[in-house]
Amino acid sequence: MGEGNQYASQLMLGQENVIDSYLDYIENNPSEILAGFVNILQAANQYSFNIDFALDRFKNQIKLFNTDMHFKGGYNDQMLNHGYQDFYYELGYYQIKQRNYLLGIDALLMCLELSSSSKDDLMCIKCLDLYGEYRSEANEKQIRNYKNVVEKLSLPTF
């Protein structure tokens, strides 16, 4: 089993003490940043870890996620898109749990946009459910963005 997988497994068992080592690992293996952060966020959400320090440490790399969000449709692109969906859903859930509602809703809307454009119905439903639970925390811009995405979901596809 690879080093990254070992850290991921330990995290999923609730071993918060491996986060720093896992961050060092993904820093030295940039192709693992997306998958690593999905794992870290999932563990943080499951075990209520505070990972603000990790998000801050990788904020520049995470910002780059936003620059390559439209994919060509190949298998690898679909897998990458799914990784981004997982990342933004988990990030949204994490930020909402931390009471950073605006950041959480922004991430959730990013996930909803990605999942609707890739026709991932299950992820759309997860996003719609979580947004519905916290819609009262959304600002006007977020409400407009949400309505725009939902309108696109409602359009017939031919």
N, C-alpha and C. Protein backbone atom coordinates (compact mmCIF):
# COMPACT_ATOMS: atom_id res chain seq x y z
N MET A 1 0.86 -1.18 0.00
CA MET A 1 0.00 0.00 0.00
C MET A 1 0.90 1.23 0.00
N GLY A 2 0.56 2.22 -0.83
CA GLY A 2 1.35 3.43 -0.94
C GLY A 2 1.22 4.33 0.29
N GLU A 3 2.16 5.22 0.41
CA GLU A 3 2.20 6.13 1.56
C GLU A 3 0.91 6.95 1.68
N GLY A 4 0.45 7.50 0.55
CA GLY A 4 -0.78 8.29 0.57
C GLY A 4 -1.97 7.47 1.03
N ASN A 5 -2.05 6.23 0.56
CA ASN A 5 -3.16 5.35 0.97
C ASN A 5 -3.10 5.03 2.46
N GLN A 6 -1.91 4.89 2.99
CA GLN A 6 -1.76 4.64 4.43
C GLN A 6 -2.29 5.81 5.24
N TYR A 7 -1.92 7.02 4.83
CA TYR A 7 -2.43 8.20 5.53
C TYR A 7 -3.94 8.28 5.42
N ALA A 8 -4.46 8.03 4.23
CA ALA A 8 -5.91 8.09 4.02
C ALA A 8 -6.62 7.07 4.92
N SER A 9 -6.08 5.86 4.97
CA SER A 9 -6.69 4.82 5.81
C SER A 9 -6.67 5.20 7.29
N GLN A 10 -5.54 5.74 7.73
CA GLN A 10 -5.44 6.16 9.13
C GLN A 10 -6.42 7.29 9.44
N LEU A 11 -6.54 8.22 8.52
CA LEU A 11 -7.50 9.32 8.70
C LEU A 11 -8.92 8.79 8.81
N MET A 12 -9.28 7.85 7.95
CA MET A 12 -10.64 7.32 7.95
C MET A 12 -10.94 6.51 9.22
N LEU A 13 -9.88 6.17 9.95
CA LEU A 13 -10.06 5.51 11.25
C LEU A 13 -10.08 6.53 12.38
N GLY A 14 -10.02 7.82 12.03
CA GLY A 14 -10.12 8.87 13.03
C GLY A 14 -8.80 9.32 13.62
N GLN A 15 -7.68 8.94 12.99
CA GLN A 15 -6.37 9.30 13.52
C GLN A 15 -5.95 10.69 13.02
N GLU A 16 -6.39 11.67 13.76
CA GLU A 16 -6.14 13.07 13.39
C GLU A 16 -4.65 13.41 13.35
N ASN A 17 -3.86 12.70 14.12
CA ASN A 17 -2.43 13.00 14.23
C ASN A 17 -1.65 12.78 12.93
N VAL A 18 -2.24 12.14 11.92
CA VAL A 18 -1.52 11.93 10.65
C VAL A 18 -1.73 13.07 9.66
N ILE A 19 -2.57 14.03 9.99
CA ILE A 19 -2.87 15.09 9.02
C ILE A 19 -1.62 15.83 8.59
N ASP A 20 -0.78 16.23 9.53
CA ASP A 20 0.43 16.98 9.15
C ASP A 20 1.33 16.17 8.23
N SER A 21 1.52 14.90 8.53
CA SER A 21 2.34 14.04 7.67
C SER A 21 1.70 13.87 6.30
N TYR A 22 0.38 13.74 6.28
CA TYR A 22 -0.34 13.61 5.01
C TYR A 22 -0.19 14.88 4.19
N LEU A 23 -0.26 16.04 4.83
CA LEU A 23 -0.08 17.31 4.13
C LEU A 23 1.33 17.42 3.55
N ASP A 24 2.34 16.98 4.31
CA ASP A 24 3.71 16.97 3.80
C ASP A 24 3.81 16.07 2.58
N TYR A 25 3.16 14.91 2.65
CA TYR A 25 3.17 13.97 1.54
C TYR A 25 2.55 14.59 0.28
N ILE A 26 1.36 15.19 0.42
CA ILE A 26 0.72 15.74 -0.78
C ILE A 26 1.44 16.99 -1.29
N GLU A 27 2.12 17.68 -0.40
CA GLU A 27 2.91 18.83 -0.85
C GLU A 27 4.05 18.36 -1.75
N ASN A 28 4.61 17.20 -1.44
CA ASN A 28 5.70 16.63 -2.23
C ASN A 28 5.19 15.82 -3.42
N ASN A 29 3.88 15.60 -3.48
CA ASN A 29 3.25 14.85 -4.58
C ASN A 29 2.04 15.63 -5.05
N PRO A 30 2.27 16.74 -5.78
CA PRO A 30 1.18 17.65 -6.14
C PRO A 30 0.01 16.99 -6.87
N SER A 31 0.25 15.89 -7.57
CA SER A 31 -0.86 15.22 -8.26
C SER A 31 -1.83 14.58 -7.26
N GLU A 32 -1.45 14.52 -6.01
CA GLU A 32 -2.29 13.92 -4.97
C GLU A 32 -3.10 14.95 -4.18
N ILE A 33 -2.96 16.24 -4.51
CA ILE A 33 -3.60 17.28 -3.70
C ILE A 33 -5.12 17.12 -3.69
N LEU A 34 -5.73 16.94 -4.85
CA LEU A 34 -7.18 16.83 -4.91
C LEU A 34 -7.67 15.62 -4.12
N ALA A 35 -7.14 14.45 -4.41
CA ALA A 35 -7.57 13.23 -3.71
C ALA A 35 -7.25 13.33 -2.21
N GLY A 36 -6.10 13.88 -1.89
CA GLY A 36 -5.72 14.02 -0.49
C GLY A 36 -6.67 14.90 0.28
N PHE A 37 -7.07 16.02 -0.34
CA PHE A 37 -7.98 16.92 0.35
C PHE A 37 -9.39 16.36 0.45
N VAL A 38 -9.80 15.57 -0.53
CA VAL A 38 -11.10 14.90 -0.39
C VAL A 38 -11.05 13.99 0.84
N ASN A 39 -9.98 13.23 0.98
CA ASN A 39 -9.83 12.34 2.14
C ASN A 39 -9.80 13.12 3.45
N ILE A 40 -9.01 14.19 3.47
CA ILE A 40 -8.88 14.99 4.70
C ILE A 40 -10.23 15.61 5.07
N LEU A 41 -10.93 16.15 4.09
CA LEU A 41 -12.24 16.77 4.35
C LEU A 41 -13.27 15.73 4.82
N GLN A 42 -13.27 14.55 4.19
CA GLN A 42 -14.21 13.52 4.61
C GLN A 42 -13.96 13.12 6.06
N ALA A 43 -12.69 12.95 6.42
CA ALA A 43 -12.36 12.60 7.80
C ALA A 43 -12.72 13.74 8.75
N ALA A 44 -12.45 14.97 8.34
CA ALA A 44 -12.78 16.13 9.17
C ALA A 44 -14.29 16.19 9.41
N ASN A 45 -15.06 15.93 8.37
CA ASN A 45 -16.51 15.96 8.51
C ASN A 45 -17.03 14.81 9.37
N GLN A 46 -16.42 13.65 9.22
CA GLN A 46 -16.87 12.49 9.99
C GLN A 46 -16.51 12.59 11.46
N TYR A 47 -15.30 13.09 11.75
CA TYR A 47 -14.79 13.10 13.12
C TYR A 47 -14.73 14.49 13.74
N SER A 48 -15.27 15.49 13.05
CA SER A 48 -15.28 16.88 13.54
C SER A 48 -13.88 17.42 13.81
N PHE A 49 -12.95 17.11 12.93
CA PHE A 49 -11.61 17.70 13.02
C PHE A 49 -11.69 19.13 12.51
N ASN A 50 -10.87 20.01 13.08
CA ASN A 50 -10.70 21.35 12.52
C ASN A 50 -9.48 21.32 11.62
N ILE A 51 -9.70 21.54 10.33
CA ILE A 51 -8.59 21.50 9.37
C ILE A 51 -8.38 22.85 8.70
N ASP A 52 -8.79 23.92 9.35
CA ASP A 52 -8.59 25.25 8.79
C ASP A 52 -7.13 25.49 8.43
N PHE A 53 -6.22 25.01 9.28
CA PHE A 53 -4.79 25.19 9.04
C PHE A 53 -4.36 24.52 7.73
N ALA A 54 -4.95 23.38 7.42
CA ALA A 54 -4.60 22.65 6.19
C ALA A 54 -5.13 23.40 4.96
N LEU A 55 -6.37 23.88 5.07
CA LEU A 55 -6.95 24.65 3.96
C LEU A 55 -6.15 25.93 3.72
N ASP A 56 -5.69 26.54 4.81
CA ASP A 56 -4.89 27.75 4.68
C ASP A 56 -3.53 27.44 4.05
N ARG A 57 -2.92 26.35 4.47
CA ARG A 57 -1.61 25.96 3.96
C ARG A 57 -1.65 25.73 2.44
N PHE A 58 -2.76 25.21 1.94
CA PHE A 58 -2.87 24.87 0.52
C PHE A 58 -3.81 25.80 -0.24
N LYS A 59 -4.07 26.98 0.32
CA LYS A 59 -5.07 27.87 -0.29
C LYS A 59 -4.71 28.23 -1.73
N ASN A 60 -3.44 28.42 -2.05
CA ASN A 60 -3.06 28.78 -3.42
C ASN A 60 -3.30 27.63 -4.39
N GLN A 61 -2.99 26.41 -3.97
CA GLN A 61 -3.23 25.25 -4.82
C GLN A 61 -4.74 25.02 -4.98
N ILE A 62 -5.50 25.22 -3.93
CA ILE A 62 -6.96 25.02 -3.99
C ILE A 62 -7.58 26.06 -4.92
N LYS A 63 -7.08 27.29 -4.89
CA LYS A 63 -7.60 28.31 -5.81
C LYS A 63 -7.42 27.89 -7.27
N LEU A 64 -6.37 27.14 -7.55
CA LEU A 64 -6.13 26.68 -8.92
C LEU A 64 -7.18 25.67 -9.38
N PHE A 65 -7.87 25.02 -8.43
CA PHE A 65 -8.94 24.10 -8.81
C PHE A 65 -9.98 24.83 -9.65
N ASN A 66 -10.20 26.10 -9.35
CA ASN A 66 -11.23 26.88 -10.05
C ASN A 66 -10.86 27.22 -11.48
N THR A 67 -9.60 27.08 -11.86
CA THR A 67 -9.18 27.53 -13.18
C THR A 67 -9.38 26.47 -14.26
N ASP A 68 -9.60 25.23 -13.88
CA ASP A 68 -9.70 24.15 -14.87
C ASP A 68 -10.96 23.32 -14.62
N MET A 69 -12.10 23.99 -14.61
CA MET A 69 -13.33 23.31 -14.22
C MET A 69 -14.16 22.79 -15.39
N HIS A 70 -13.79 23.07 -16.61
CA HIS A 70 -14.59 22.60 -17.74
C HIS A 70 -13.78 21.54 -18.48
N PHE A 71 -14.35 20.37 -18.58
CA PHE A 71 -13.60 19.22 -19.05
C PHE A 71 -14.06 18.78 -20.43
N LYS A 72 -13.20 17.99 -21.08
CA LYS A 72 -13.43 17.60 -22.46
C LYS A 72 -14.34 16.38 -22.60
N GLY A 73 -14.52 15.61 -21.57
CA GLY A 73 -15.46 14.50 -21.64
C GLY A 73 -14.83 13.13 -21.68
N GLY A 74 -13.52 13.02 -21.67
CA GLY A 74 -12.87 11.71 -21.64
C GLY A 74 -12.97 11.08 -20.27
N TYR A 75 -12.56 9.82 -20.18
CA TYR A 75 -12.65 9.09 -18.91
C TYR A 75 -11.89 9.79 -17.80
N ASN A 76 -10.64 10.18 -18.06
CA ASN A 76 -9.84 10.85 -17.04
C ASN A 76 -10.47 12.18 -16.64
N ASP A 77 -11.03 12.88 -17.61
CA ASP A 77 -11.69 14.15 -17.31
C ASP A 77 -12.92 13.92 -16.43
N GLN A 78 -13.66 12.86 -16.70
CA GLN A 78 -14.82 12.54 -15.87
C GLN A 78 -14.39 12.21 -14.45
N MET A 79 -13.31 11.46 -14.31
CA MET A 79 -12.80 11.12 -12.98
C MET A 79 -12.34 12.38 -12.24
N LEU A 80 -11.67 13.27 -12.95
CA LEU A 80 -11.21 14.52 -12.35
C LEU A 80 -12.40 15.37 -11.93
N ASN A 81 -13.41 15.45 -12.80
CA ASN A 81 -14.62 16.21 -12.48
C ASN A 81 -15.29 15.63 -11.23
N HIS A 82 -15.35 14.32 -11.15
CA HIS A 82 -15.93 13.69 -9.96
C HIS A 82 -15.12 14.05 -8.71
N GLY A 83 -13.81 14.10 -8.84
CA GLY A 83 -12.96 14.49 -7.72
C GLY A 83 -13.24 15.90 -7.26
N TYR A 84 -13.41 16.81 -8.23
CA TYR A 84 -13.75 18.19 -7.88
C TYR A 84 -15.12 18.27 -7.22
N GLN A 85 -16.07 17.50 -7.71
CA GLN A 85 -17.41 17.48 -7.09
C GLN A 85 -17.29 17.03 -5.64
N ASP A 86 -16.57 15.94 -5.40
CA ASP A 86 -16.40 15.44 -4.04
C ASP A 86 -15.72 16.49 -3.17
N PHE A 87 -14.67 17.12 -3.72
CA PHE A 87 -13.95 18.14 -2.97
C PHE A 87 -14.88 19.28 -2.56
N TYR A 88 -15.61 19.84 -3.53
CA TYR A 88 -16.45 20.99 -3.22
C TYR A 88 -17.63 20.63 -2.31
N TYR A 89 -18.16 19.43 -2.46
CA TYR A 89 -19.24 19.02 -1.55
C TYR A 89 -18.71 18.91 -0.12
N GLU A 90 -17.60 18.20 0.04
CA GLU A 90 -17.02 18.01 1.38
C GLU A 90 -16.57 19.35 1.96
N LEU A 91 -15.99 20.22 1.13
CA LEU A 91 -15.58 21.55 1.60
C LEU A 91 -16.80 22.35 2.05
N GLY A 92 -17.86 22.30 1.25
CA GLY A 92 -19.09 23.01 1.62
C GLY A 92 -19.64 22.51 2.94
N TYR A 93 -19.70 21.21 3.09
CA TYR A 93 -20.21 20.60 4.32
C TYR A 93 -19.32 20.98 5.51
N TYR A 94 -17.99 20.92 5.29
CA TYR A 94 -17.06 21.29 6.35
C TYR A 94 -17.26 22.75 6.78
N GLN A 95 -17.30 23.66 5.80
CA GLN A 95 -17.43 25.08 6.14
C GLN A 95 -18.77 25.36 6.84
N ILE A 96 -19.81 24.70 6.41
CA ILE A 96 -21.11 24.87 7.07
C ILE A 96 -21.03 24.37 8.51
N LYS A 97 -20.41 23.22 8.73
CA LYS A 97 -20.25 22.70 10.09
C LYS A 97 -19.42 23.65 10.96
N GLN A 98 -18.50 24.39 10.32
CA GLN A 98 -17.68 25.36 11.04
C GLN A 98 -18.39 26.70 11.20
N ARG A 99 -19.63 26.77 10.71
CA ARG A 99 -20.45 27.97 10.73
C ARG A 99 -19.91 29.09 9.83
N ASN A 100 -19.11 28.69 8.86
CA ASN A 100 -18.66 29.61 7.82
C ASN A 100 -19.64 29.45 6.65
N TYR A 101 -20.86 29.91 6.86
CA TYR A 101 -21.96 29.60 5.95
C TYR A 101 -21.73 30.12 4.53
N LEU A 102 -21.22 31.33 4.39
CA LEU A 102 -21.03 31.88 3.05
C LEU A 102 -20.00 31.08 2.26
N LEU A 103 -18.89 30.72 2.90
CA LEU A 103 -17.88 29.89 2.23
C LEU A 103 -18.45 28.52 1.91
N GLY A 104 -19.20 27.97 2.84
CA GLY A 104 -19.79 26.65 2.64
C GLY A 104 -20.79 26.64 1.51
N ILE A 105 -21.63 27.64 1.45
CA ILE A 105 -22.64 27.70 0.39
C ILE A 105 -21.98 27.95 -0.96
N ASP A 106 -20.93 28.78 -0.99
CA ASP A 106 -20.20 28.97 -2.25
C ASP A 106 -19.64 27.64 -2.76
N ALA A 107 -19.03 26.87 -1.88
CA ALA A 107 -18.47 25.58 -2.28
C ALA A 107 -19.58 24.63 -2.73
N LEU A 108 -20.68 24.64 -2.02
CA LEU A 108 -21.81 23.79 -2.37
C LEU A 108 -22.37 24.16 -3.74
N LEU A 109 -22.46 25.44 -4.03
CA LEU A 109 -22.95 25.89 -5.33
C LEU A 109 -21.98 25.50 -6.45
N MET A 110 -20.68 25.52 -6.16
CA MET A 110 -19.69 25.07 -7.13
C MET A 110 -19.91 23.58 -7.43
N CYS A 111 -20.13 22.81 -6.38
CA CYS A 111 -20.40 21.38 -6.56
C CYS A 111 -21.68 21.15 -7.35
N LEU A 112 -22.72 21.91 -7.03
CA LEU A 112 -23.99 21.78 -7.74
C LEU A 112 -23.82 22.10 -9.22
N GLU A 113 -23.08 23.14 -9.52
CA GLU A 113 -22.82 23.51 -10.91
C GLU A 113 -22.08 22.38 -11.64
N LEU A 114 -21.03 21.86 -11.01
CA LEU A 114 -20.25 20.77 -11.63
C LEU A 114 -21.10 19.52 -11.82
N SER A 115 -21.85 19.16 -10.79
CA SER A 115 -22.62 17.92 -10.87
C SER A 115 -23.79 18.06 -11.84
N SER A 116 -24.36 19.25 -11.95
CA SER A 116 -25.45 19.42 -12.91
C SER A 116 -24.91 19.38 -14.34
N SER A 117 -23.75 19.99 -14.57
CA SER A 117 -23.20 19.98 -15.93
C SER A 117 -22.71 18.60 -16.34
N SER A 118 -22.34 17.77 -15.37
CA SER A 118 -21.91 16.41 -15.70
C SER A 118 -23.04 15.39 -15.52
N LYS A 119 -24.23 15.89 -15.19
CA LYS A 119 -25.43 15.06 -15.04
C LYS A 119 -25.27 13.98 -13.96
N ASP A 120 -24.63 14.37 -12.87
CA ASP A 120 -24.49 13.48 -11.71
C ASP A 120 -25.67 13.72 -10.78
N ASP A 121 -26.75 13.00 -11.02
CA ASP A 121 -28.00 13.24 -10.30
C ASP A 121 -27.86 13.04 -8.79
N LEU A 122 -27.13 12.02 -8.37
CA LEU A 122 -26.99 11.76 -6.93
C LEU A 122 -26.30 12.93 -6.24
N MET A 123 -25.23 13.44 -6.84
CA MET A 123 -24.53 14.56 -6.21
C MET A 123 -25.40 15.81 -6.24
N CYS A 124 -26.16 16.01 -7.32
CA CYS A 124 -27.09 17.15 -7.38
C CYS A 124 -28.06 17.08 -6.21
N ILE A 125 -28.60 15.92 -5.96
CA ILE A 125 -29.56 15.75 -4.88
C ILE A 125 -28.91 16.04 -3.53
N LYS A 126 -27.68 15.54 -3.33
CA LYS A 126 -26.97 15.82 -2.08
C LYS A 126 -26.78 17.32 -1.88
N CYS A 127 -26.39 18.01 -2.96
CA CYS A 127 -26.18 19.46 -2.88
C CYS A 127 -27.49 20.20 -2.61
N LEU A 128 -28.54 19.81 -3.32
CA LEU A 128 -29.84 20.45 -3.13
C LEU A 128 -30.33 20.25 -1.70
N ASP A 129 -30.15 19.06 -1.17
CA ASP A 129 -30.57 18.78 0.21
C ASP A 129 -29.82 19.64 1.22
N LEU A 130 -28.50 19.68 1.08
CA LEU A 130 -27.70 20.45 2.04
C LEU A 130 -27.97 21.94 1.91
N TYR A 131 -28.09 22.41 0.67
CA TYR A 131 -28.42 23.82 0.47
C TYR A 131 -29.78 24.13 1.11
N GLY A 132 -30.75 23.27 0.91
CA GLY A 132 -32.08 23.48 1.46
C GLY A 132 -32.06 23.61 2.97
N GLU A 133 -31.17 22.86 3.59
CA GLU A 133 -31.07 22.90 5.05
C GLU A 133 -30.51 24.25 5.54
N TYR A 134 -29.68 24.89 4.72
CA TYR A 134 -28.99 26.13 5.15
C TYR A 134 -29.31 27.31 4.25
N ARG A 135 -30.40 27.22 3.47
CA ARG A 135 -30.73 28.30 2.53
C ARG A 135 -30.91 29.64 3.22
N SER A 136 -31.34 29.63 4.46
CA SER A 136 -31.55 30.89 5.18
C SER A 136 -30.24 31.64 5.43
N GLU A 137 -29.12 30.95 5.29
CA GLU A 137 -27.80 31.58 5.49
C GLU A 137 -27.23 32.16 4.20
N ALA A 138 -27.88 31.91 3.06
CA ALA A 138 -27.36 32.36 1.77
C ALA A 138 -27.58 33.85 1.59
N ASN A 139 -26.61 34.50 0.92
CA ASN A 139 -26.79 35.91 0.60
C ASN A 139 -27.52 36.02 -0.75
N GLU A 140 -27.81 37.24 -1.15
CA GLU A 140 -28.59 37.46 -2.38
C GLU A 140 -27.91 36.88 -3.61
N LYS A 141 -26.60 37.07 -3.73
CA LYS A 141 -25.87 36.55 -4.89
C LYS A 141 -25.95 35.02 -4.92
N GLN A 142 -25.79 34.40 -3.77
CA GLN A 142 -25.86 32.94 -3.71
C GLN A 142 -27.26 32.44 -4.06
N ILE A 143 -28.27 33.16 -3.61
CA ILE A 143 -29.65 32.78 -3.94
C ILE A 143 -29.86 32.85 -5.45
N ARG A 144 -29.34 33.91 -6.08
CA ARG A 144 -29.45 34.03 -7.55
C ARG A 144 -28.71 32.90 -8.25
N ASN A 145 -27.49 32.62 -7.80
CA ASN A 145 -26.71 31.54 -8.40
C ASN A 145 -27.43 30.20 -8.26
N TYR A 146 -27.99 29.97 -7.10
CA TYR A 146 -28.73 28.73 -6.85
C TYR A 146 -29.90 28.62 -7.82
N LYS A 147 -30.67 29.70 -7.94
CA LYS A 147 -31.84 29.69 -8.84
C LYS A 147 -31.41 29.45 -10.28
N ASN A 148 -30.29 30.06 -10.71
CA ASN A 148 -29.80 29.85 -12.07
C ASN A 148 -29.44 28.39 -12.34
N VAL A 149 -28.76 27.77 -11.40
CA VAL A 149 -28.38 26.36 -11.59
C VAL A 149 -29.62 25.47 -11.59
N VAL A 150 -30.57 25.74 -10.69
CA VAL A 150 -31.78 24.94 -10.62
C VAL A 150 -32.60 25.11 -11.90
N GLU A 151 -32.63 26.31 -12.45
CA GLU A 151 -33.33 26.52 -13.72
C GLU A 151 -32.71 25.68 -14.83
N LYS A 152 -31.38 25.63 -14.87
CA LYS A 152 -30.70 24.81 -15.87
C LYS A 152 -31.05 23.32 -15.68
N LEU A 153 -31.15 22.90 -14.43
CA LEU A 153 -31.52 21.52 -14.15
C LEU A 153 -32.91 21.19 -14.66
N SER A 154 -33.77 22.18 -14.66
CA SER A 154 -35.16 22.00 -15.04
C SER A 154 -35.39 21.97 -16.55
N LEU A 155 -34.40 22.45 -17.30
CA LEU A 155 -34.56 22.50 -18.75
C LEU A 155 -34.53 21.10 -19.34
N PRO A 156 -35.38 20.85 -20.31
CA PRO A 156 -35.36 19.52 -20.94
C PRO A 156 -34.09 19.33 -21.76
N THR A 157 -33.57 18.12 -21.77
CA THR A 157 -32.39 17.81 -22.57
C THR A 157 -32.83 16.97 -23.76
N PHE A 158 -32.27 17.29 -24.91
CA PHE A 158 -32.64 16.56 -26.13
C PHE A 158 -31.46 15.83 -26.70
